[in-house]
N, C-alpha and C. Protein backbone atom coordinates (compact mmCIF):
# COMPACT_ATOMS: atom_id res chain seq x y z
N MET A 1 16.25 -57.99 -33.01
CA MET A 1 17.41 -57.57 -32.22
C MET A 1 18.56 -58.43 -32.58
N ASN A 2 18.40 -59.66 -32.94
CA ASN A 2 19.49 -60.59 -33.31
C ASN A 2 20.24 -59.96 -34.45
N GLU A 3 19.54 -59.31 -35.38
CA GLU A 3 20.21 -58.62 -36.55
C GLU A 3 21.15 -57.63 -36.14
N PHE A 4 20.85 -56.96 -34.96
CA PHE A 4 21.75 -55.80 -34.49
C PHE A 4 23.05 -56.52 -33.95
N TYR A 5 22.86 -57.59 -33.26
CA TYR A 5 24.02 -58.25 -32.58
C TYR A 5 24.90 -58.95 -33.73
N ILE A 6 24.38 -59.32 -34.85
CA ILE A 6 25.17 -59.86 -35.81
C ILE A 6 26.00 -58.73 -36.62
N VAL A 7 25.24 -57.68 -36.90
CA VAL A 7 25.99 -56.47 -37.43
C VAL A 7 26.97 -55.91 -36.50
N ALA A 8 26.68 -55.86 -35.30
CA ALA A 8 27.65 -55.32 -34.18
C ALA A 8 28.86 -56.24 -34.26
N GLY A 9 28.69 -57.52 -34.24
CA GLY A 9 29.76 -58.44 -34.21
C GLY A 9 30.73 -58.28 -35.41
N TRP A 10 30.11 -58.24 -36.56
CA TRP A 10 30.91 -57.96 -37.90
C TRP A 10 31.60 -56.63 -37.82
N GLY A 11 30.96 -55.64 -37.24
CA GLY A 11 31.61 -54.29 -37.18
C GLY A 11 32.73 -54.31 -36.15
N ILE A 12 32.65 -55.11 -35.10
CA ILE A 12 33.72 -55.15 -34.11
C ILE A 12 34.90 -55.90 -34.81
N ARG A 13 34.62 -57.00 -35.51
CA ARG A 13 35.60 -57.69 -36.14
C ARG A 13 36.39 -56.85 -37.14
N PHE A 14 35.66 -56.11 -37.83
CA PHE A 14 36.32 -55.15 -38.83
C PHE A 14 37.13 -54.14 -38.11
N LEU A 15 36.77 -53.64 -37.01
CA LEU A 15 37.56 -52.63 -36.38
C LEU A 15 38.77 -53.41 -35.73
N GLU A 16 38.69 -54.57 -35.28
CA GLU A 16 39.85 -55.35 -34.77
C GLU A 16 40.82 -55.56 -35.94
N LEU A 17 40.34 -55.90 -37.08
CA LEU A 17 41.23 -56.00 -38.30
C LEU A 17 41.94 -54.75 -38.51
N ILE A 18 41.33 -53.66 -38.45
CA ILE A 18 41.92 -52.35 -38.73
C ILE A 18 43.05 -52.06 -37.69
N VAL A 19 42.81 -52.47 -36.42
CA VAL A 19 43.87 -52.31 -35.42
C VAL A 19 45.07 -53.16 -35.80
N VAL A 20 44.95 -54.51 -36.23
CA VAL A 20 45.92 -55.32 -36.47
C VAL A 20 46.70 -54.77 -37.64
N LEU A 21 46.01 -54.41 -38.66
CA LEU A 21 46.69 -53.83 -39.87
C LEU A 21 47.39 -52.60 -39.51
N PHE A 22 46.79 -51.79 -38.70
CA PHE A 22 47.44 -50.39 -38.33
C PHE A 22 48.74 -50.68 -37.56
N VAL A 23 48.62 -51.65 -36.71
CA VAL A 23 49.91 -51.95 -35.91
C VAL A 23 51.00 -52.42 -36.85
N ILE A 24 50.70 -53.40 -37.80
CA ILE A 24 51.72 -53.91 -38.75
C ILE A 24 52.17 -52.63 -39.60
N PHE A 25 51.35 -51.84 -40.14
CA PHE A 25 51.70 -50.74 -40.97
C PHE A 25 52.51 -49.61 -40.18
N SER A 26 52.00 -49.42 -38.93
CA SER A 26 52.84 -48.46 -38.16
C SER A 26 54.20 -48.80 -37.73
N PHE A 27 54.30 -50.01 -37.44
CA PHE A 27 55.63 -50.61 -37.06
C PHE A 27 56.26 -51.33 -38.23
N ARG A 28 56.25 -50.82 -39.47
CA ARG A 28 56.78 -51.49 -40.65
C ARG A 28 58.19 -52.12 -40.37
N LYS A 29 59.00 -51.36 -39.75
CA LYS A 29 60.39 -51.92 -39.61
C LYS A 29 60.47 -53.06 -38.59
N HIS A 30 59.39 -53.23 -37.76
CA HIS A 30 59.37 -54.38 -36.86
C HIS A 30 58.39 -55.39 -37.38
N SER A 31 57.87 -55.26 -38.56
CA SER A 31 56.75 -56.23 -38.97
C SER A 31 57.14 -57.64 -38.91
N PHE A 32 58.47 -57.88 -39.31
CA PHE A 32 58.85 -59.37 -39.38
C PHE A 32 59.08 -59.81 -37.95
N SER A 33 59.63 -59.05 -37.01
CA SER A 33 59.88 -59.45 -35.67
C SER A 33 58.46 -59.54 -34.92
N LEU A 34 57.46 -58.86 -35.44
CA LEU A 34 56.21 -58.99 -34.77
C LEU A 34 55.60 -60.43 -34.95
N PHE A 35 55.80 -60.91 -36.13
CA PHE A 35 55.26 -62.28 -36.50
C PHE A 35 56.34 -63.36 -36.07
N PHE A 36 57.52 -63.14 -36.27
CA PHE A 36 58.47 -64.24 -36.12
C PHE A 36 59.59 -64.01 -35.05
N GLY A 37 59.56 -62.85 -34.44
CA GLY A 37 60.63 -62.55 -33.54
C GLY A 37 60.60 -63.38 -32.28
N GLY A 38 61.72 -63.36 -31.62
CA GLY A 38 61.77 -63.97 -30.28
C GLY A 38 62.24 -63.05 -29.30
N LYS A 39 62.80 -63.60 -28.18
CA LYS A 39 63.33 -62.74 -27.12
C LYS A 39 64.47 -61.69 -27.54
N SER A 40 65.21 -62.16 -28.67
CA SER A 40 66.30 -61.31 -29.14
C SER A 40 65.77 -59.91 -29.70
N SER A 41 64.53 -59.92 -30.21
CA SER A 41 63.96 -58.79 -30.83
C SER A 41 63.32 -57.78 -29.71
N LEU A 42 63.33 -58.28 -28.47
CA LEU A 42 62.69 -57.47 -27.38
C LEU A 42 63.84 -56.96 -26.51
N LYS A 43 64.26 -55.64 -26.88
CA LYS A 43 65.37 -55.04 -26.30
C LYS A 43 64.98 -54.03 -25.25
N THR A 44 63.85 -53.34 -25.39
CA THR A 44 63.42 -52.21 -24.60
C THR A 44 62.02 -52.52 -24.05
N PRO A 45 61.60 -51.86 -23.09
CA PRO A 45 60.22 -51.93 -22.49
C PRO A 45 59.22 -51.49 -23.59
N ALA A 46 59.56 -50.57 -24.44
CA ALA A 46 58.72 -50.24 -25.57
C ALA A 46 58.49 -51.39 -26.58
N ASP A 47 59.55 -52.17 -26.77
CA ASP A 47 59.42 -53.31 -27.74
C ASP A 47 58.47 -54.37 -27.11
N HIS A 48 58.58 -54.59 -25.74
CA HIS A 48 57.74 -55.53 -25.01
C HIS A 48 56.25 -55.06 -25.16
N LYS A 49 55.99 -53.75 -25.05
CA LYS A 49 54.70 -53.27 -25.18
C LYS A 49 54.14 -53.33 -26.55
N MET A 50 54.91 -53.04 -27.54
CA MET A 50 54.50 -53.11 -28.92
C MET A 50 54.22 -54.67 -29.28
N HIS A 51 55.07 -55.53 -28.80
CA HIS A 51 54.77 -56.88 -29.18
C HIS A 51 53.65 -57.52 -28.33
N SER A 52 53.46 -57.08 -27.10
CA SER A 52 52.34 -57.55 -26.33
C SER A 52 51.08 -57.03 -27.04
N CYS A 53 51.00 -55.71 -27.37
CA CYS A 53 49.80 -55.17 -28.04
C CYS A 53 49.46 -55.97 -29.39
N PHE A 54 50.53 -56.14 -30.08
CA PHE A 54 50.26 -56.92 -31.40
C PHE A 54 49.74 -58.26 -31.18
N LEU A 55 50.32 -59.10 -30.17
CA LEU A 55 49.87 -60.39 -29.84
C LEU A 55 48.43 -60.36 -29.35
N THR A 56 48.14 -59.34 -28.58
CA THR A 56 46.78 -59.23 -28.09
C THR A 56 45.78 -58.92 -29.07
N ALA A 57 46.14 -57.96 -29.95
CA ALA A 57 45.18 -57.66 -31.01
C ALA A 57 44.98 -58.68 -32.07
N LEU A 58 46.05 -59.50 -32.36
CA LEU A 58 45.95 -60.64 -33.27
C LEU A 58 45.17 -61.71 -32.63
N ALA A 59 45.41 -62.07 -31.36
CA ALA A 59 44.51 -63.07 -30.73
C ALA A 59 43.07 -62.66 -30.55
N VAL A 60 42.81 -61.50 -30.25
CA VAL A 60 41.50 -61.03 -30.23
C VAL A 60 40.73 -61.20 -31.48
N LEU A 61 41.42 -60.73 -32.64
CA LEU A 61 40.88 -60.86 -33.86
C LEU A 61 40.56 -62.31 -34.36
N VAL A 62 41.59 -63.12 -34.21
CA VAL A 62 41.43 -64.53 -34.54
C VAL A 62 40.33 -65.16 -33.72
N PHE A 63 40.30 -65.14 -32.41
CA PHE A 63 39.39 -65.80 -31.64
C PHE A 63 38.05 -65.21 -31.71
N HIS A 64 37.84 -63.92 -31.91
CA HIS A 64 36.58 -63.35 -32.10
C HIS A 64 35.95 -63.84 -33.42
N ALA A 65 36.70 -64.00 -34.44
CA ALA A 65 36.21 -64.50 -35.71
C ALA A 65 35.82 -66.07 -35.50
N ILE A 66 36.65 -66.86 -34.81
CA ILE A 66 36.35 -68.14 -34.48
C ILE A 66 35.10 -68.38 -33.67
N SER A 67 35.00 -67.54 -32.65
CA SER A 67 33.80 -67.76 -31.77
C SER A 67 32.54 -67.37 -32.58
N GLY A 68 32.65 -66.26 -33.33
CA GLY A 68 31.56 -65.82 -34.09
C GLY A 68 31.11 -66.86 -35.08
N SER A 69 32.03 -67.51 -35.71
CA SER A 69 31.81 -68.67 -36.69
C SER A 69 31.13 -69.81 -35.95
N LEU A 70 31.69 -70.26 -34.92
CA LEU A 70 31.28 -71.36 -34.11
C LEU A 70 29.82 -71.10 -33.56
N ALA A 71 29.66 -69.85 -33.11
CA ALA A 71 28.29 -69.60 -32.61
C ALA A 71 27.21 -69.57 -33.67
N THR A 72 27.61 -69.06 -34.86
CA THR A 72 26.57 -69.19 -35.96
C THR A 72 26.40 -70.69 -36.36
N TYR A 73 27.42 -71.48 -36.29
CA TYR A 73 27.26 -72.84 -36.64
C TYR A 73 26.31 -73.67 -35.58
N MET A 74 26.70 -73.26 -34.32
CA MET A 74 25.94 -73.87 -33.32
C MET A 74 24.40 -73.53 -33.36
N LEU A 75 24.04 -72.44 -33.60
CA LEU A 75 22.66 -72.03 -33.77
C LEU A 75 21.97 -72.54 -34.98
N ASP A 76 22.74 -72.98 -35.85
CA ASP A 76 22.05 -73.55 -37.16
C ASP A 76 21.88 -75.04 -37.09
N ILE A 77 22.35 -75.67 -35.96
CA ILE A 77 22.15 -77.11 -35.79
C ILE A 77 20.74 -77.48 -35.53
N GLU A 78 20.32 -78.51 -36.37
CA GLU A 78 18.87 -78.97 -36.21
C GLU A 78 18.86 -79.98 -35.07
N ALA A 79 18.50 -79.61 -33.87
CA ALA A 79 18.33 -80.37 -32.72
C ALA A 79 17.30 -79.79 -31.71
N ASP A 80 17.15 -80.50 -30.54
CA ASP A 80 16.34 -79.92 -29.60
C ASP A 80 16.92 -78.57 -29.09
N ASN A 81 15.97 -77.68 -28.92
CA ASN A 81 16.39 -76.20 -28.62
C ASN A 81 17.22 -76.23 -27.37
N GLN A 82 16.97 -76.96 -26.24
CA GLN A 82 17.77 -77.01 -25.00
C GLN A 82 19.09 -77.47 -25.31
N LEU A 83 19.17 -78.52 -26.18
CA LEU A 83 20.59 -79.07 -26.45
C LEU A 83 21.41 -77.99 -27.13
N VAL A 84 20.77 -77.31 -28.07
CA VAL A 84 21.47 -76.30 -28.86
C VAL A 84 21.87 -75.14 -27.89
N ILE A 85 21.06 -74.70 -26.98
CA ILE A 85 21.51 -73.74 -25.96
C ILE A 85 22.63 -74.17 -25.21
N LYS A 86 22.61 -75.34 -24.74
CA LYS A 86 23.77 -75.93 -23.86
C LYS A 86 24.99 -75.96 -24.74
N LEU A 87 24.96 -76.52 -25.97
CA LEU A 87 26.10 -76.59 -26.74
C LEU A 87 26.71 -75.28 -27.06
N TYR A 88 25.79 -74.33 -27.40
CA TYR A 88 26.18 -72.84 -27.73
C TYR A 88 27.06 -72.31 -26.75
N TYR A 89 26.45 -72.20 -25.46
CA TYR A 89 27.21 -71.58 -24.31
C TYR A 89 28.43 -72.39 -23.95
N PHE A 90 28.32 -73.68 -23.96
CA PHE A 90 29.56 -74.55 -23.65
C PHE A 90 30.71 -74.21 -24.72
N VAL A 91 30.35 -74.16 -25.94
CA VAL A 91 31.38 -73.95 -26.99
C VAL A 91 31.93 -72.44 -26.83
N ILE A 92 31.13 -71.44 -26.49
CA ILE A 92 31.71 -70.08 -26.29
C ILE A 92 32.60 -70.05 -24.99
N VAL A 93 32.20 -70.67 -23.92
CA VAL A 93 33.01 -70.72 -22.70
C VAL A 93 34.45 -71.47 -23.05
N CYS A 94 34.33 -72.55 -23.91
CA CYS A 94 35.64 -73.07 -24.19
C CYS A 94 36.46 -72.30 -25.03
N THR A 95 35.73 -71.58 -25.98
CA THR A 95 36.65 -70.66 -26.95
C THR A 95 37.26 -69.45 -26.15
N THR A 96 36.54 -68.90 -25.23
CA THR A 96 37.09 -67.87 -24.50
C THR A 96 38.23 -68.30 -23.58
N ALA A 97 38.12 -69.59 -22.98
CA ALA A 97 39.19 -70.19 -22.21
C ALA A 97 40.36 -70.43 -23.22
N ALA A 98 40.23 -70.89 -24.26
CA ALA A 98 41.24 -71.20 -25.18
C ALA A 98 41.91 -69.85 -25.70
N TYR A 99 41.22 -68.75 -25.75
CA TYR A 99 41.78 -67.50 -26.09
C TYR A 99 42.73 -67.02 -25.03
N ALA A 100 42.25 -67.16 -23.68
CA ALA A 100 43.00 -66.76 -22.57
C ALA A 100 44.29 -67.58 -22.48
N ALA A 101 44.15 -68.89 -22.72
CA ALA A 101 45.38 -69.78 -22.58
C ALA A 101 46.33 -69.43 -23.82
N THR A 102 45.82 -69.12 -24.94
CA THR A 102 46.59 -68.95 -26.06
C THR A 102 47.40 -67.52 -26.02
N LEU A 103 46.74 -66.54 -25.41
CA LEU A 103 47.32 -65.32 -25.20
C LEU A 103 48.37 -65.39 -24.18
N TYR A 104 48.20 -66.12 -23.16
CA TYR A 104 49.29 -66.25 -22.23
C TYR A 104 50.49 -67.12 -22.82
N LEU A 105 50.13 -68.24 -23.52
CA LEU A 105 51.25 -68.95 -24.11
C LEU A 105 52.00 -68.18 -25.07
N LEU A 106 51.30 -67.36 -25.88
CA LEU A 106 52.00 -66.56 -26.84
C LEU A 106 52.98 -65.53 -26.25
N HIS A 107 52.65 -65.02 -25.12
CA HIS A 107 53.57 -64.08 -24.33
C HIS A 107 54.69 -65.00 -23.67
N VAL A 108 54.44 -66.15 -23.29
CA VAL A 108 55.57 -67.01 -22.76
C VAL A 108 56.45 -67.41 -23.83
N ILE A 109 55.89 -67.91 -24.89
CA ILE A 109 56.76 -68.42 -25.99
C ILE A 109 57.62 -67.27 -26.57
N ARG A 110 57.11 -66.08 -26.68
CA ARG A 110 57.81 -64.90 -27.21
C ARG A 110 58.75 -64.33 -26.23
N GLY A 111 58.53 -64.65 -24.98
CA GLY A 111 59.41 -64.01 -23.94
C GLY A 111 59.02 -62.62 -23.64
N CYS A 112 57.80 -62.26 -23.88
CA CYS A 112 57.32 -60.91 -23.87
C CYS A 112 56.59 -60.65 -22.51
N GLN A 113 56.76 -59.38 -22.02
CA GLN A 113 56.11 -59.08 -20.80
C GLN A 113 54.59 -59.00 -20.95
N PHE A 114 53.94 -59.33 -19.89
CA PHE A 114 52.54 -59.20 -19.92
C PHE A 114 52.07 -57.77 -19.63
N THR A 115 51.80 -56.98 -20.58
CA THR A 115 51.45 -55.56 -20.35
C THR A 115 50.05 -55.43 -19.95
N ARG A 116 49.68 -54.13 -19.67
CA ARG A 116 48.32 -53.84 -19.23
C ARG A 116 47.28 -54.20 -20.31
N VAL A 117 47.60 -53.99 -21.55
CA VAL A 117 46.73 -54.38 -22.63
C VAL A 117 46.35 -55.86 -22.54
N ALA A 118 47.31 -56.73 -22.31
CA ALA A 118 46.99 -58.10 -22.23
C ALA A 118 46.28 -58.44 -21.01
N ARG A 119 46.62 -57.76 -19.91
CA ARG A 119 45.95 -58.14 -18.68
C ARG A 119 44.49 -57.69 -18.71
N TYR A 120 44.15 -56.48 -19.10
CA TYR A 120 42.99 -56.02 -19.33
C TYR A 120 42.04 -56.75 -20.24
N SER A 121 42.59 -57.18 -21.31
CA SER A 121 42.06 -58.08 -22.17
C SER A 121 41.55 -59.49 -21.58
N LEU A 122 42.51 -59.96 -20.69
CA LEU A 122 42.07 -61.20 -19.94
C LEU A 122 40.99 -60.89 -18.96
N TYR A 123 40.98 -59.77 -18.39
CA TYR A 123 39.87 -59.40 -17.40
C TYR A 123 38.59 -59.44 -18.07
N ILE A 124 38.55 -58.75 -19.32
CA ILE A 124 37.27 -58.81 -20.00
C ILE A 124 36.94 -60.17 -20.45
N THR A 125 37.96 -60.94 -20.80
CA THR A 125 37.66 -62.31 -21.33
C THR A 125 37.05 -63.12 -20.13
N LEU A 126 37.65 -62.95 -18.92
CA LEU A 126 37.15 -63.59 -17.73
C LEU A 126 35.68 -63.22 -17.43
N PHE A 127 35.39 -62.03 -17.59
CA PHE A 127 33.99 -61.52 -17.48
C PHE A 127 33.09 -62.33 -18.46
N LEU A 128 33.54 -62.33 -19.72
CA LEU A 128 32.66 -62.99 -20.66
C LEU A 128 32.49 -64.40 -20.53
N MET A 129 33.60 -64.98 -20.05
CA MET A 129 33.50 -66.48 -19.78
C MET A 129 32.64 -66.76 -18.58
N LEU A 130 32.61 -65.91 -17.49
CA LEU A 130 31.60 -66.16 -16.41
C LEU A 130 30.30 -65.92 -16.81
N LEU A 131 30.06 -64.86 -17.61
CA LEU A 131 28.81 -64.53 -18.12
C LEU A 131 28.22 -65.75 -19.04
N ASN A 132 29.01 -66.25 -19.92
CA ASN A 132 28.57 -67.48 -20.70
C ASN A 132 28.36 -68.70 -19.88
N ALA A 133 29.15 -68.87 -18.88
CA ALA A 133 29.02 -69.98 -17.90
C ALA A 133 27.75 -69.92 -17.24
N ALA A 134 27.43 -68.52 -16.74
CA ALA A 134 26.19 -68.33 -16.05
C ALA A 134 25.03 -68.65 -16.99
N GLN A 135 25.04 -68.23 -18.20
CA GLN A 135 24.06 -68.53 -19.10
C GLN A 135 23.89 -69.97 -19.40
N LEU A 136 24.97 -70.73 -19.51
CA LEU A 136 25.01 -72.12 -19.61
C LEU A 136 24.15 -72.80 -18.58
N VAL A 137 24.49 -72.42 -17.32
CA VAL A 137 23.71 -73.06 -16.17
C VAL A 137 22.30 -72.54 -16.11
N LEU A 138 22.07 -71.22 -16.24
CA LEU A 138 20.70 -70.72 -16.11
C LEU A 138 19.77 -71.18 -17.21
N ARG A 139 20.21 -70.81 -18.50
CA ARG A 139 19.32 -71.18 -19.62
C ARG A 139 19.39 -72.51 -20.04
N GLY A 140 20.61 -73.14 -20.02
CA GLY A 140 20.85 -74.49 -20.50
C GLY A 140 20.25 -75.46 -19.58
N TYR A 141 20.62 -75.44 -18.23
CA TYR A 141 20.11 -76.45 -17.34
C TYR A 141 18.98 -76.21 -16.46
N LEU A 142 18.77 -74.80 -16.21
CA LEU A 142 17.71 -74.50 -15.21
C LEU A 142 16.49 -73.93 -16.05
N GLY A 143 16.72 -73.63 -17.28
CA GLY A 143 15.58 -73.10 -18.06
C GLY A 143 15.19 -71.69 -17.71
N ASN A 144 16.11 -70.96 -16.98
CA ASN A 144 15.77 -69.56 -16.31
C ASN A 144 16.30 -68.64 -17.40
N GLU A 145 15.54 -67.50 -17.60
CA GLU A 145 15.81 -66.45 -18.47
C GLU A 145 16.37 -65.06 -17.87
N LEU A 146 16.86 -65.25 -16.58
CA LEU A 146 17.32 -64.17 -15.72
C LEU A 146 18.18 -63.22 -16.32
N LEU A 147 19.23 -63.79 -17.01
CA LEU A 147 20.35 -62.93 -17.63
C LEU A 147 20.13 -62.70 -19.04
N TYR A 148 19.14 -63.24 -19.66
CA TYR A 148 18.87 -63.21 -21.14
C TYR A 148 18.82 -61.84 -21.66
N SER A 149 18.15 -60.90 -20.86
CA SER A 149 17.87 -59.58 -21.47
C SER A 149 19.27 -58.75 -21.42
N ILE A 150 20.08 -58.94 -20.50
CA ILE A 150 21.37 -58.17 -20.43
C ILE A 150 22.60 -58.90 -21.07
N TYR A 151 22.35 -60.12 -21.42
CA TYR A 151 23.48 -60.94 -22.08
C TYR A 151 23.87 -60.25 -23.33
N GLY A 152 23.07 -59.98 -24.33
CA GLY A 152 23.55 -59.42 -25.52
C GLY A 152 24.11 -58.02 -25.50
N PRO A 153 23.52 -57.10 -24.77
CA PRO A 153 24.12 -55.78 -24.49
C PRO A 153 25.57 -55.82 -23.75
N ALA A 154 25.59 -56.71 -22.77
CA ALA A 154 26.84 -56.93 -22.02
C ALA A 154 27.89 -57.50 -22.88
N THR A 155 27.61 -58.33 -23.76
CA THR A 155 28.63 -58.90 -24.70
C THR A 155 29.03 -57.88 -25.69
N VAL A 156 28.25 -57.19 -26.24
CA VAL A 156 28.53 -56.07 -27.20
C VAL A 156 29.41 -55.08 -26.57
N ILE A 157 29.01 -54.61 -25.34
CA ILE A 157 29.87 -53.67 -24.68
C ILE A 157 31.21 -54.13 -24.24
N ALA A 158 31.30 -55.41 -23.76
CA ALA A 158 32.59 -56.01 -23.45
C ALA A 158 33.47 -56.10 -24.62
N ASN A 159 32.87 -56.53 -25.80
CA ASN A 159 33.73 -56.62 -27.01
C ASN A 159 34.19 -55.16 -27.48
N LEU A 160 33.29 -54.19 -27.25
CA LEU A 160 33.71 -52.89 -27.63
C LEU A 160 34.81 -52.29 -26.73
N CYS A 161 34.76 -52.72 -25.39
CA CYS A 161 35.80 -52.35 -24.53
C CYS A 161 37.11 -53.05 -24.78
N GLU A 162 36.98 -54.31 -25.21
CA GLU A 162 38.08 -55.06 -25.64
C GLU A 162 38.78 -54.37 -26.89
N TRP A 163 38.08 -53.85 -27.84
CA TRP A 163 38.60 -53.14 -29.09
C TRP A 163 39.21 -51.98 -28.57
N LEU A 164 38.62 -51.17 -27.66
CA LEU A 164 39.26 -49.94 -27.26
C LEU A 164 40.49 -50.11 -26.49
N ILE A 165 40.66 -51.17 -25.71
CA ILE A 165 41.85 -51.44 -25.03
C ILE A 165 42.99 -51.89 -26.00
N VAL A 166 42.53 -52.64 -27.01
CA VAL A 166 43.65 -53.03 -27.96
C VAL A 166 43.98 -51.92 -28.80
N ALA A 167 43.08 -50.91 -29.15
CA ALA A 167 43.28 -49.87 -30.18
C ALA A 167 44.02 -48.74 -29.39
N LYS A 168 43.93 -48.52 -28.14
CA LYS A 168 44.57 -47.42 -27.48
C LYS A 168 46.02 -47.29 -27.70
N TYR A 169 46.81 -48.41 -27.59
CA TYR A 169 48.34 -48.19 -27.77
C TYR A 169 48.61 -47.74 -29.18
N PRO A 170 48.23 -48.32 -30.40
CA PRO A 170 48.54 -47.82 -31.56
C PRO A 170 47.98 -46.50 -31.80
N PHE A 171 46.87 -46.12 -31.41
CA PHE A 171 46.35 -44.72 -31.47
C PHE A 171 47.31 -43.68 -30.83
N TYR A 172 47.72 -43.96 -29.51
CA TYR A 172 48.59 -43.01 -28.89
C TYR A 172 49.87 -42.99 -29.59
N LYS A 173 50.42 -44.03 -30.07
CA LYS A 173 51.65 -44.06 -30.85
C LYS A 173 51.54 -43.28 -32.05
N PHE A 174 50.42 -43.39 -32.78
CA PHE A 174 50.10 -42.61 -33.99
C PHE A 174 50.05 -41.19 -33.66
N MET A 175 49.28 -40.72 -32.63
CA MET A 175 49.22 -39.38 -32.20
C MET A 175 50.50 -38.73 -31.84
N GLU A 176 51.47 -39.60 -31.14
CA GLU A 176 52.72 -39.11 -30.61
C GLU A 176 53.64 -38.92 -31.85
N THR A 177 53.59 -39.72 -32.85
CA THR A 177 54.35 -39.54 -34.05
C THR A 177 53.87 -38.24 -34.79
N ARG A 178 52.55 -38.09 -34.82
CA ARG A 178 52.07 -36.87 -35.50
C ARG A 178 52.45 -35.58 -34.84
N ILE A 179 52.39 -35.58 -33.52
CA ILE A 179 52.81 -34.46 -32.86
C ILE A 179 54.32 -34.14 -32.96
N ARG A 180 55.12 -35.17 -32.90
CA ARG A 180 56.60 -34.95 -33.20
C ARG A 180 56.87 -34.40 -34.59
N GLN A 181 56.07 -34.94 -35.60
CA GLN A 181 56.24 -34.44 -36.90
C GLN A 181 55.89 -32.94 -37.09
N GLU A 182 54.91 -32.53 -36.46
CA GLU A 182 54.33 -31.16 -36.46
C GLU A 182 55.33 -30.23 -35.70
N ALA A 183 55.95 -30.73 -34.69
CA ALA A 183 56.74 -29.82 -33.81
C ALA A 183 58.15 -29.50 -34.49
């Protein structure tokens, strides 16, 4: 079953990369401002939405890759199994908290409105952080396997929902452009 989670994790990272590249490609004329723009490049609510979606997609991709790499590294440590479990869940909780703080700070620094995409992403992140904190307490300190059977599927489903939320805006923009071209 662990192989499935590894493959699912890589598949989700690939889908997230596609979304980031699609946003950059779709908004070619804004690509410089997506990376380096400030408040001056945000003139309309649509600009705020585009920048917020890009910031969220990029942060999701980067932090998903970081947390996946850290998780793999934590599981390969040669130590007592209970210590590895504690360290694993603690690192994942810290990484998800860092993601939430980074996403918030990117929006503040950019002067960008916090759109639904970013809010929903943070809601899912909060769920994942609480799930990992519960696992830290239950498995790490109490030795209880209560959530173990639902932890993997819940994490994969939450990550897929995260991808769907981030992919929704570029997909609708793409379809909107296609419909306009055909009309």
